[in-house]
C-alpha atoms as a PDB file:
ATOM      1  CA  MET A   1       0.000   0.000   0.000  1.00  0.00           C
ATOM      2  CA  ASN A   2       1.287   3.427  -0.927  1.00  0.00           C
ATOM      3  CA  HIS A   3       0.755   6.647   0.938  1.00  0.00           C
ATOM      4  CA  VAL A   4      -1.256   9.170  -1.018  1.00  0.00           C
ATOM      5  CA  LEU A   5      -1.995  12.837  -0.501  1.00  0.00           C
ATOM      6  CA  LEU A   6      -5.671  13.721  -0.680  1.00  0.00           C
ATOM      7  CA  ILE A   7      -6.536  17.356  -1.334  1.00  0.00           C
ATOM      8  CA  CYS A   8     -10.193  18.091  -0.782  1.00  0.00           C
ATOM      9  CA  SER A   9     -11.666  21.532  -1.320  1.00  0.00           C
ATOM     10  CA  ILE A  10     -15.107  23.062  -1.711  1.00  0.00           C
ATOM     11  CA  THR A  11     -15.644  25.110  -4.851  1.00  0.00           C
ATOM     12  CA  GLU A  12     -17.871  28.145  -5.207  1.00  0.00           C
ATOM     13  CA  SER A  13     -20.545  26.021  -6.846  1.00  0.00           C
ATOM     14  CA  SER A  14     -20.911  23.930  -3.672  1.00  0.00           C
ATOM     15  CA  SER A  15     -19.200  20.937  -5.185  1.00  0.00           C
ATOM     16  CA  VAL A  16     -16.244  19.052  -3.785  1.00  0.00           C
ATOM     17  CA  HIS A  17     -13.029  19.087  -5.771  1.00  0.00           C
ATOM     18  CA  VAL A  18     -10.843  16.110  -4.934  1.00  0.00           C
ATOM     19  CA  GLN A  19      -7.249  15.741  -6.030  1.00  0.00           C
ATOM     20  CA  ILE A  20      -5.127  12.696  -5.250  1.00  0.00           C
ATOM     21  CA  TYR A  21      -1.335  12.762  -5.441  1.00  0.00           C
ATOM     22  CA  ARG A  22       1.363  10.191  -4.861  1.00  0.00           C
ATOM     23  CA  SER A  23       3.074  11.478  -1.748  1.00  0.00           C
ATOM     24  CA  VAL A  24       6.549  10.503  -2.930  1.00  0.00           C
ATOM     25  CA  THR A  25       6.624  11.998  -6.411  1.00  0.00           C
ATOM     26  CA  ILE A  26       3.755  14.475  -5.981  1.00  0.00           C
ATOM     27  CA  GLU A  27       2.378  13.020  -9.188  1.00  0.00           C
ATOM     28  CA  LYS A  28      -1.314  13.595  -9.696  1.00  0.00           C
ATOM     29  CA  ILE A  29      -2.960  10.195 -10.050  1.00  0.00           C
ATOM     30  CA  ALA A  30      -6.605  11.208  -9.823  1.00  0.00           C
ATOM     31  CA  GLU A  31      -8.775  14.272  -9.881  1.00  0.00           C
ATOM     32  CA  GLU A  32     -12.505  14.690  -9.821  1.00  0.00           C
ATOM     33  CA  SER A  33     -15.268  17.005  -8.792  1.00  0.00           C
ATOM     34  CA  VAL A  34     -18.129  15.556  -6.795  1.00  0.00           C
ATOM     35  CA  LEU A  35     -21.469  17.268  -6.429  1.00  0.00           C
ATOM     36  CA  MET A  36     -22.530  17.691  -2.817  1.00  0.00           C
ATOM     37  CA  HIS A  37     -25.915  17.942  -1.228  1.00  0.00           C
ATOM     38  CA  SER A  38     -26.700  21.592  -0.556  1.00  0.00           C
ATOM     39  CA  SER A  39     -27.118  20.871   3.154  1.00  0.00           C
ATOM     40  CA  ASN A  40     -23.649  19.353   3.428  1.00  0.00           C
ATOM     41  CA  THR A  41     -21.025  22.083   3.673  1.00  0.00           C
ATOM     42  CA  GLU A  42     -18.201  20.009   5.079  1.00  0.00           C
ATOM     43  CA  CYS A  43     -15.626  18.188   3.068  1.00  0.00           C
ATOM     44  CA  GLN A  44     -15.310  14.692   4.447  1.00  0.00           C
ATOM     45  CA  SER A  45     -11.948  13.020   4.564  1.00  0.00           C
ATOM     46  CA  ALA A  46     -11.467   9.689   2.926  1.00  0.00           C
ATOM     47  CA  SER A  47      -8.840   7.030   3.317  1.00  0.00           C
ATOM     48  CA  ILE A  48      -7.610   5.587   0.060  1.00  0.00           C
ATOM     49  CA  GLU A  49      -5.651   2.411  -0.409  1.00  0.00           C
ATOM     50  CA  CYS A  50      -3.295   2.072  -3.345  1.00  0.00           C
ATOM     51  CA  SER A  51      -1.491  -1.051  -4.368  1.00  0.00           C
ATOM     52  CA  ASP A  52       1.397  -1.306  -6.789  1.00  0.00           C
ATOM     53  CA  SER A  53       1.225  -3.801  -9.607  1.00  0.00           C
ATOM     54  CA  THR A  54       4.931  -4.489  -9.221  1.00  0.00           C
END
């Protein structure tokens, strides 16, 4: 399992912008915007497991 850096931020349009980086090389491995419910204003943290194919 690799360590990853999860950057979670709330955009002006009340959506959550999630960016995932490899913590060693700071290489962006994933990025997505997730629509939130209007009542939910907090960005929830998530734990992500990565496994190398090697």
